[in-house]
């Protein structure tokens, strides 16, 4: 008898739920037909915007990894089209990525312009301040024909973010910015030393260890051939370390 009542009550509960759902759906349809909007409509639209924007950004990231930089820039711009943006700060990732692409292409003025776009829609943050200092140091190095400004920037990063660098932390932007700059400078010795210090981090995961070893081998190969660029390329293609 107990089992019968239990089944009966479960079926009755399901029936009531379905009836309420149908009633709510009909009510919502009536409101829409009369020109009323429902709060869930706005939430759903905002969520769809975020999902679509992130999807496009992921496509752009794949293009970057393939070296298709101009296509990636176009795709990132597509991701921040007004139809996909609920709040301006949602453009931060795309604009930061475009800045990095222009810098990698050695188009430093365009990188600075895009960085200022980023600054306009975001709160003061380390990415803006550090990247601007880096770009200005690279421009100064070009103008003066020496690397003193770049090494000065490196010293600033080491002092400002000492607690975010090996051996205290690994895999953060401050560290990989140094890897990129040592690569730019052809400073294999300091690049490899930084990697070796990261490899001593006690909680280093196996995935990160393998990525660091890739970067180390890239420095070693460039050193043996007197070339540059391989360590940065490893970062660009990595899903573990930021670039």
C-alpha atoms as a PDB file:
ATOM      1  CA  UNK A   1       0.000   0.000   0.000  1.00  0.00           C
ATOM      2  CA  UNK A   2       2.848   2.312   0.906  1.00  0.00           C
ATOM      3  CA  UNK A   3       4.532   1.644  -2.438  1.00  0.00           C
ATOM      4  CA  UNK A   4       1.321   2.413  -4.345  1.00  0.00           C
ATOM      5  CA  UNK A   5       0.866   5.706  -2.490  1.00  0.00           C
ATOM      6  CA  UNK A   6       4.481   6.631  -3.102  1.00  0.00           C
ATOM      7  CA  UNK A   7       4.198   6.005  -6.844  1.00  0.00           C
ATOM      8  CA  UNK A   8       0.872   7.820  -6.960  1.00  0.00           C
ATOM      9  CA  UNK A   9       2.285  10.865  -5.177  1.00  0.00           C
ATOM     10  CA  UNK A  10       5.363  10.956  -7.426  1.00  0.00           C
ATOM     11  CA  UNK A  11       3.193  10.827 -10.546  1.00  0.00           C
ATOM     12  CA  UNK A  12       0.890  13.489  -9.159  1.00  0.00           C
ATOM     13  CA  UNK A  13       3.861  15.754  -8.378  1.00  0.00           C
ATOM     14  CA  UNK A  14       5.213  15.337 -11.899  1.00  0.00           C
ATOM     15  CA  UNK A  15       1.800  16.114 -13.392  1.00  0.00           C
ATOM     16  CA  UNK A  16       1.472  19.293 -11.327  1.00  0.00           C
ATOM     17  CA  UNK A  17       4.985  20.389 -12.364  1.00  0.00           C
ATOM     18  CA  UNK A  18       4.174  19.880 -16.052  1.00  0.00           C
ATOM     19  CA  UNK A  19       0.895  21.786 -15.743  1.00  0.00           C
ATOM     20  CA  UNK A  20       2.632  24.713 -14.034  1.00  0.00           C
ATOM     21  CA  UNK A  21       5.351  24.725 -16.680  1.00  0.00           C
ATOM     22  CA  UNK A  22       2.774  24.820 -19.488  1.00  0.00           C
ATOM     23  CA  UNK A  23       0.880  27.590 -17.705  1.00  0.00           C
ATOM     24  CA  UNK A  24       4.076  29.640 -17.232  1.00  0.00           C
ATOM     25  CA  UNK A  25       5.072  29.146 -20.882  1.00  0.00           C
ATOM     26  CA  UNK A  26       1.632  30.241 -22.100  1.00  0.00           C
ATOM     27  CA  UNK A  27       1.743  33.253 -19.792  1.00  0.00           C
ATOM     28  CA  UNK A  28       5.192  34.213 -21.053  1.00  0.00           C
ATOM     29  CA  UNK A  29       4.072  33.846 -24.669  1.00  0.00           C
ATOM     30  CA  UNK A  30       1.063  36.086 -23.981  1.00  0.00           C
ATOM     31  CA  UNK A  31       3.282  38.751 -22.407  1.00  0.00           C
ATOM     32  CA  UNK A  32       5.622  38.691 -25.410  1.00  0.00           C
ATOM     33  CA  UNK A  33       2.720  38.966 -27.850  1.00  0.00           C
ATOM     34  CA  UNK A  34       1.569  42.051 -25.955  1.00  0.00           C
ATOM     35  CA  UNK A  35       4.990  43.671 -26.159  1.00  0.00           C
ATOM     36  CA  UNK A  36       6.210  42.906 -22.635  1.00  0.00           C
ATOM     37  CA  UNK A  37       9.734  41.612 -21.984  1.00  0.00           C
ATOM     38  CA  UNK A  38      10.638  39.169 -19.288  1.00  0.00           C
ATOM     39  CA  UNK A  39      13.752  39.504 -17.040  1.00  0.00           C
ATOM     40  CA  UNK A  40      14.970  36.095 -18.188  1.00  0.00           C
ATOM     41  CA  UNK A  41      15.056  37.280 -21.796  1.00  0.00           C
ATOM     42  CA  UNK A  42      17.698  39.878 -20.945  1.00  0.00           C
ATOM     43  CA  UNK A  43      19.743  37.416 -18.904  1.00  0.00           C
ATOM     44  CA  UNK A  44      19.641  34.864 -21.697  1.00  0.00           C
ATOM     45  CA  UNK A  45      20.688  37.452 -24.265  1.00  0.00           C
ATOM     46  CA  UNK A  46      23.614  38.620 -22.128  1.00  0.00           C
ATOM     47  CA  UNK A  47      24.703  35.033 -21.575  1.00  0.00           C
ATOM     48  CA  UNK A  48      24.463  34.274 -25.291  1.00  0.00           C
ATOM     49  CA  UNK A  49      26.576  37.354 -26.018  1.00  0.00           C
ATOM     50  CA  UNK A  50      29.303  36.191 -23.640  1.00  0.00           C
ATOM     51  CA  UNK A  51      29.285  32.657 -25.024  1.00  0.00           C
ATOM     52  CA  UNK A  52      29.543  33.886 -28.613  1.00  0.00           C
ATOM     53  CA  UNK A  53      32.280  36.403 -27.818  1.00  0.00           C
ATOM     54  CA  UNK A  54      34.347  33.766 -25.986  1.00  0.00           C
ATOM     55  CA  UNK A  55      33.851  31.321 -28.856  1.00  0.00           C
ATOM     56  CA  UNK A  56      35.209  33.860 -31.336  1.00  0.00           C
ATOM     57  CA  UNK A  57      38.128  34.705 -29.045  1.00  0.00           C
ATOM     58  CA  UNK A  58      39.046  31.022 -28.928  1.00  0.00           C
ATOM     59  CA  UNK A  59      39.047  30.918 -32.727  1.00  0.00           C
ATOM     60  CA  UNK A  60      41.316  33.960 -32.725  1.00  0.00           C
ATOM     61  CA  UNK A  61      43.676  32.282 -30.258  1.00  0.00           C
ATOM     62  CA  UNK A  62      43.988  29.281 -32.556  1.00  0.00           C
ATOM     63  CA  UNK A  63      44.852  31.596 -35.443  1.00  0.00           C
ATOM     64  CA  UNK A  64      47.592  33.181 -33.318  1.00  0.00           C
ATOM     65  CA  UNK A  65      49.052  29.762 -32.552  1.00  0.00           C
ATOM     66  CA  UNK A  66      49.101  29.067 -36.306  1.00  0.00           C
ATOM     67  CA  UNK A  67      50.922  32.333 -37.012  1.00  0.00           C
ATOM     68  CA  UNK A  68      47.953  33.802 -38.897  1.00  0.00           C
ATOM     69  CA  UNK A  69      48.206  37.121 -37.100  1.00  0.00           C
ATOM     70  CA  UNK A  70      46.213  39.426 -39.365  1.00  0.00           C
ATOM     71  CA  UNK A  71      43.310  36.977 -39.383  1.00  0.00           C
ATOM     72  CA  UNK A  72      43.584  36.718 -35.615  1.00  0.00           C
ATOM     73  CA  UNK A  73      43.363  40.502 -35.211  1.00  0.00           C
ATOM     74  CA  UNK A  74      40.250  40.573 -37.398  1.00  0.00           C
ATOM     75  CA  UNK A  75      38.720  37.752 -35.379  1.00  0.00           C
ATOM     76  CA  UNK A  76      39.474  39.446 -32.056  1.00  0.00           C
ATOM     77  CA  UNK A  77      37.846  42.623 -33.364  1.00  0.00           C
ATOM     78  CA  UNK A  78      34.829  40.557 -34.319  1.00  0.00           C
ATOM     79  CA  UNK A  79      34.646  39.223 -30.763  1.00  0.00           C
ATOM     80  CA  UNK A  80      34.274  42.748 -29.375  1.00  0.00           C
ATOM     81  CA  UNK A  81      31.660  43.930 -31.856  1.00  0.00           C
ATOM     82  CA  UNK A  82      29.014  45.920 -29.921  1.00  0.00           C
ATOM     83  CA  UNK A  83      26.374  43.257 -30.559  1.00  0.00           C
ATOM     84  CA  UNK A  84      28.340  40.823 -28.345  1.00  0.00           C
ATOM     85  CA  UNK A  85      29.355  43.217 -25.563  1.00  0.00           C
ATOM     86  CA  UNK A  86      27.277  43.706 -22.418  1.00  0.00           C
ATOM     87  CA  UNK A  87      29.924  45.720 -20.527  1.00  0.00           C
ATOM     88  CA  UNK A  88      33.041  47.470 -21.842  1.00  0.00           C
ATOM     89  CA  UNK A  89      35.391  45.507 -19.601  1.00  0.00           C
ATOM     90  CA  UNK A  90      34.446  42.375 -21.554  1.00  0.00           C
ATOM     91  CA  UNK A  91      36.682  43.690 -24.359  1.00  0.00           C
ATOM     92  CA  UNK A  92      39.805  43.442 -22.183  1.00  0.00           C
ATOM     93  CA  UNK A  93      41.003  39.998 -23.287  1.00  0.00           C
ATOM     94  CA  UNK A  94      40.663  40.730 -26.994  1.00  0.00           C
ATOM     95  CA  UNK A  95      42.369  44.126 -26.798  1.00  0.00           C
ATOM     96  CA  UNK A  96      45.210  42.749 -24.681  1.00  0.00           C
ATOM     97  CA  UNK A  97      45.683  39.956 -27.224  1.00  0.00           C
ATOM     98  CA  UNK A  98      45.732  42.384 -30.165  1.00  0.00           C
ATOM     99  CA  UNK A  99      48.332  44.464 -28.322  1.00  0.00           C
ATOM    100  CA  UNK A 100      50.531  41.385 -27.948  1.00  0.00           C
ATOM    101  CA  UNK A 101      50.149  40.485 -31.621  1.00  0.00           C
ATOM    102  CA  UNK A 102      51.223  43.940 -32.787  1.00  0.00           C
ATOM    103  CA  UNK A 103      54.190  43.834 -30.448  1.00  0.00           C
ATOM    104  CA  UNK A 104      55.185  40.424 -31.758  1.00  0.00           C
ATOM    105  CA  UNK A 105      55.000  41.846 -35.278  1.00  0.00           C
ATOM    106  CA  UNK A 106      57.275  44.668 -34.058  1.00  0.00           C
ATOM    107  CA  UNK A 107      54.552  47.202 -34.852  1.00  0.00           C
ATOM    108  CA  UNK A 108      55.131  48.995 -31.570  1.00  0.00           C
ATOM    109  CA  UNK A 109      53.101  52.120 -32.343  1.00  0.00           C
ATOM    110  CA  UNK A 110      49.999  50.064 -33.161  1.00  0.00           C
ATOM    111  CA  UNK A 111      50.611  48.035 -30.012  1.00  0.00           C
ATOM    112  CA  UNK A 112      50.660  51.243 -27.947  1.00  0.00           C
ATOM    113  CA  UNK A 113      47.489  52.522 -29.614  1.00  0.00           C
ATOM    114  CA  UNK A 114      45.659  49.278 -28.879  1.00  0.00           C
ATOM    115  CA  UNK A 115      46.991  49.265 -25.332  1.00  0.00           C
ATOM    116  CA  UNK A 116      45.419  52.697 -24.834  1.00  0.00           C
ATOM    117  CA  UNK A 117      42.112  51.267 -26.080  1.00  0.00           C
ATOM    118  CA  UNK A 118      42.517  48.590 -23.412  1.00  0.00           C
ATOM    119  CA  UNK A 119      43.239  51.248 -20.783  1.00  0.00           C
ATOM    120  CA  UNK A 120      40.075  53.187 -21.626  1.00  0.00           C
ATOM    121  CA  UNK A 121      37.784  50.272 -20.824  1.00  0.00           C
ATOM    122  CA  UNK A 122      39.609  48.736 -17.854  1.00  0.00           C
ATOM    123  CA  UNK A 123      40.577  49.747 -14.354  1.00  0.00           C
ATOM    124  CA  UNK A 124      44.249  50.572 -13.625  1.00  0.00           C
ATOM    125  CA  UNK A 125      46.148  47.296 -13.627  1.00  0.00           C
ATOM    126  CA  UNK A 126      49.597  45.783 -13.929  1.00  0.00           C
ATOM    127  CA  UNK A 127      49.099  44.596 -17.505  1.00  0.00           C
ATOM    128  CA  UNK A 128      48.626  48.141 -18.761  1.00  0.00           C
ATOM    129  CA  UNK A 129      51.416  49.675 -16.698  1.00  0.00           C
ATOM    130  CA  UNK A 130      53.951  46.903 -17.321  1.00  0.00           C
ATOM    131  CA  UNK A 131      53.177  46.489 -21.016  1.00  0.00           C
ATOM    132  CA  UNK A 132      53.372  50.233 -21.642  1.00  0.00           C
ATOM    133  CA  UNK A 133      56.739  50.390 -19.904  1.00  0.00           C
ATOM    134  CA  UNK A 134      57.900  47.440 -22.002  1.00  0.00           C
ATOM    135  CA  UNK A 135      56.739  48.955 -25.288  1.00  0.00           C
ATOM    136  CA  UNK A 136      58.322  52.323 -24.499  1.00  0.00           C
ATOM    137  CA  UNK A 137      61.593  50.614 -23.602  1.00  0.00           C
ATOM    138  CA  UNK A 138      61.575  48.788 -26.926  1.00  0.00           C
ATOM    139  CA  UNK A 139      60.880  52.010 -28.821  1.00  0.00           C
ATOM    140  CA  UNK A 140      63.726  53.730 -26.984  1.00  0.00           C
ATOM    141  CA  UNK A 141      66.038  50.843 -27.779  1.00  0.00           C
ATOM    142  CA  UNK A 142      65.185  51.232 -31.474  1.00  0.00           C
ATOM    143  CA  UNK A 143      65.765  54.981 -31.393  1.00  0.00           C
ATOM    144  CA  UNK A 144      69.031  54.839 -29.466  1.00  0.00           C
ATOM    145  CA  UNK A 145      70.400  51.693 -31.064  1.00  0.00           C
ATOM    146  CA  UNK A 146      71.159  49.975 -27.759  1.00  0.00           C
ATOM    147  CA  UNK A 147      69.370  47.767 -25.261  1.00  0.00           C
ATOM    148  CA  UNK A 148      69.950  49.747 -22.053  1.00  0.00           C
ATOM    149  CA  UNK A 149      66.276  50.811 -21.817  1.00  0.00           C
ATOM    150  CA  UNK A 150      65.094  47.196 -22.142  1.00  0.00           C
ATOM    151  CA  UNK A 151      67.402  45.993 -19.371  1.00  0.00           C
ATOM    152  CA  UNK A 152      66.195  48.901 -17.232  1.00  0.00           C
ATOM    153  CA  UNK A 153      62.621  47.721 -17.764  1.00  0.00           C
ATOM    154  CA  UNK A 154      63.640  44.156 -16.849  1.00  0.00           C
ATOM    155  CA  UNK A 155      65.149  45.408 -13.586  1.00  0.00           C
ATOM    156  CA  UNK A 156      61.913  47.264 -12.829  1.00  0.00           C
ATOM    157  CA  UNK A 157      59.829  44.121 -13.383  1.00  0.00           C
ATOM    158  CA  UNK A 158      62.138  42.087 -11.151  1.00  0.00           C
ATOM    159  CA  UNK A 159      61.819  44.594  -8.322  1.00  0.00           C
ATOM    160  CA  UNK A 160      58.102  45.289  -8.701  1.00  0.00           C
ATOM    161  CA  UNK A 161      57.055  41.644  -9.044  1.00  0.00           C
ATOM    162  CA  UNK A 162      59.756  39.849  -7.060  1.00  0.00           C
ATOM    163  CA  UNK A 163      57.089  37.874  -5.176  1.00  0.00           C
ATOM    164  CA  UNK A 164      55.521  36.711  -8.462  1.00  0.00           C
ATOM    165  CA  UNK A 165      58.744  35.407 -10.010  1.00  0.00           C
ATOM    166  CA  UNK A 166      60.699  32.180  -9.483  1.00  0.00           C
ATOM    167  CA  UNK A 167      61.397  30.733  -7.015  1.00  0.00           C
ATOM    168  CA  UNK A 168      58.308  32.170  -5.276  1.00  0.00           C
ATOM    169  CA  UNK A 169      55.801  31.740  -8.130  1.00  0.00           C
ATOM    170  CA  UNK A 170      55.852  30.279 -11.639  1.00  0.00           C
ATOM    171  CA  UNK A 171      53.798  30.528 -14.807  1.00  0.00           C
ATOM    172  CA  UNK A 172      52.672  34.138 -14.359  1.00  0.00           C
ATOM    173  CA  UNK A 173      52.764  37.030 -16.831  1.00  0.00           C
ATOM    174  CA  UNK A 174      55.634  38.826 -15.084  1.00  0.00           C
ATOM    175  CA  UNK A 175      57.841  35.774 -15.591  1.00  0.00           C
ATOM    176  CA  UNK A 176      56.938  35.082 -19.207  1.00  0.00           C
ATOM    177  CA  UNK A 177      57.436  38.762 -20.067  1.00  0.00           C
ATOM    178  CA  UNK A 178      61.046  38.304 -18.965  1.00  0.00           C
ATOM    179  CA  UNK A 179      61.345  35.184 -21.118  1.00  0.00           C
ATOM    180  CA  UNK A 180      60.119  37.157 -24.144  1.00  0.00           C
ATOM    181  CA  UNK A 181      62.505  40.024 -23.462  1.00  0.00           C
ATOM    182  CA  UNK A 182      65.530  37.776 -22.957  1.00  0.00           C
ATOM    183  CA  UNK A 183      64.566  36.167 -26.251  1.00  0.00           C
ATOM    184  CA  UNK A 184      64.293  39.582 -27.942  1.00  0.00           C
ATOM    185  CA  UNK A 185      67.719  40.518 -26.583  1.00  0.00           C
ATOM    186  CA  UNK A 186      69.309  37.215 -27.512  1.00  0.00           C
ATOM    187  CA  UNK A 187      70.282  36.905 -23.852  1.00  0.00           C
ATOM    188  CA  UNK A 188      70.388  33.128 -23.750  1.00  0.00           C
ATOM    189  CA  UNK A 189      72.273  32.958 -20.450  1.00  0.00           C
ATOM    190  CA  UNK A 190      69.700  34.881 -18.410  1.00  0.00           C
ATOM    191  CA  UNK A 191      66.814  33.225 -20.237  1.00  0.00           C
ATOM    192  CA  UNK A 192      68.054  29.737 -19.384  1.00  0.00           C
ATOM    193  CA  UNK A 193      68.875  30.794 -15.802  1.00  0.00           C
ATOM    194  CA  UNK A 194      65.287  32.005 -15.342  1.00  0.00           C
ATOM    195  CA  UNK A 195      63.933  28.701 -16.631  1.00  0.00           C
ATOM    196  CA  UNK A 196      66.263  26.705 -14.390  1.00  0.00           C
ATOM    197  CA  UNK A 197      65.033  28.669 -11.386  1.00  0.00           C
ATOM    198  CA  UNK A 198      61.413  27.974 -12.348  1.00  0.00           C
ATOM    199  CA  UNK A 199      62.192  24.263 -12.604  1.00  0.00           C
ATOM    200  CA  UNK A 200      63.161  24.230  -8.922  1.00  0.00           C
ATOM    201  CA  UNK A 201      59.670  25.310  -7.847  1.00  0.00           C
ATOM    202  CA  UNK A 202      58.523  22.582  -5.412  1.00  0.00           C
ATOM    203  CA  UNK A 203      54.879  22.482  -6.555  1.00  0.00           C
ATOM    204  CA  UNK A 204      55.602  22.545 -10.269  1.00  0.00           C
ATOM    205  CA  UNK A 205      53.144  20.362 -12.171  1.00  0.00           C
ATOM    206  CA  UNK A 206      54.396  17.924 -14.775  1.00  0.00           C
ATOM    207  CA  UNK A 207      52.619  19.826 -17.556  1.00  0.00           C
ATOM    208  CA  UNK A 208      54.319  23.080 -16.614  1.00  0.00           C
ATOM    209  CA  UNK A 209      57.669  21.337 -16.232  1.00  0.00           C
ATOM    210  CA  UNK A 210      57.401  20.054 -19.786  1.00  0.00           C
ATOM    211  CA  UNK A 211      56.534  23.544 -21.062  1.00  0.00           C
ATOM    212  CA  UNK A 212      59.543  25.037 -19.287  1.00  0.00           C
ATOM    213  CA  UNK A 213      61.772  22.361 -20.777  1.00  0.00           C
ATOM    214  CA  UNK A 214      60.462  23.302 -24.234  1.00  0.00           C
ATOM    215  CA  UNK A 215      61.382  26.933 -23.585  1.00  0.00           C
ATOM    216  CA  UNK A 216      64.816  25.908 -22.313  1.00  0.00           C
ATOM    217  CA  UNK A 217      65.491  23.802 -25.397  1.00  0.00           C
ATOM    218  CA  UNK A 218      64.356  26.732 -27.544  1.00  0.00           C
ATOM    219  CA  UNK A 219      66.914  29.021 -25.894  1.00  0.00           C
ATOM    220  CA  UNK A 220      69.609  26.377 -26.309  1.00  0.00           C
ATOM    221  CA  UNK A 221      68.811  25.852 -29.988  1.00  0.00           C
ATOM    222  CA  UNK A 222      68.801  29.585 -30.697  1.00  0.00           C
ATOM    223  CA  UNK A 223      72.086  29.904 -28.841  1.00  0.00           C
ATOM    224  CA  UNK A 224      73.680  27.146 -30.919  1.00  0.00           C
ATOM    225  CA  UNK A 225      72.535  28.788 -34.163  1.00  0.00           C
ATOM    226  CA  UNK A 226      72.925  32.423 -33.130  1.00  0.00           C
ATOM    227  CA  UNK A 227      69.226  33.082 -33.759  1.00  0.00           C
ATOM    228  CA  UNK A 228      66.267  34.417 -31.782  1.00  0.00           C
ATOM    229  CA  UNK A 229      62.524  33.859 -31.556  1.00  0.00           C
ATOM    230  CA  UNK A 230      62.076  30.217 -30.633  1.00  0.00           C
ATOM    231  CA  UNK A 231      61.343  30.744 -26.905  1.00  0.00           C
ATOM    232  CA  UNK A 232      58.627  33.294 -27.695  1.00  0.00           C
ATOM    233  CA  UNK A 233      57.150  30.927 -30.254  1.00  0.00           C
ATOM    234  CA  UNK A 234      56.897  28.237 -27.587  1.00  0.00           C
ATOM    235  CA  UNK A 235      54.946  30.674 -25.402  1.00  0.00           C
ATOM    236  CA  UNK A 236      52.654  31.629 -28.284  1.00  0.00           C
ATOM    237  CA  UNK A 237      51.788  28.007 -28.937  1.00  0.00           C
ATOM    238  CA  UNK A 238      51.445  27.068 -25.266  1.00  0.00           C
ATOM    239  CA  UNK A 239      48.148  26.438 -23.511  1.00  0.00           C
ATOM    240  CA  UNK A 240      49.977  26.339 -20.166  1.00  0.00           C
ATOM    241  CA  UNK A 241      52.163  29.451 -20.043  1.00  0.00           C
ATOM    242  CA  UNK A 242      50.920  32.965 -20.905  1.00  0.00           C
ATOM    243  CA  UNK A 243      52.666  35.018 -23.557  1.00  0.00           C
END
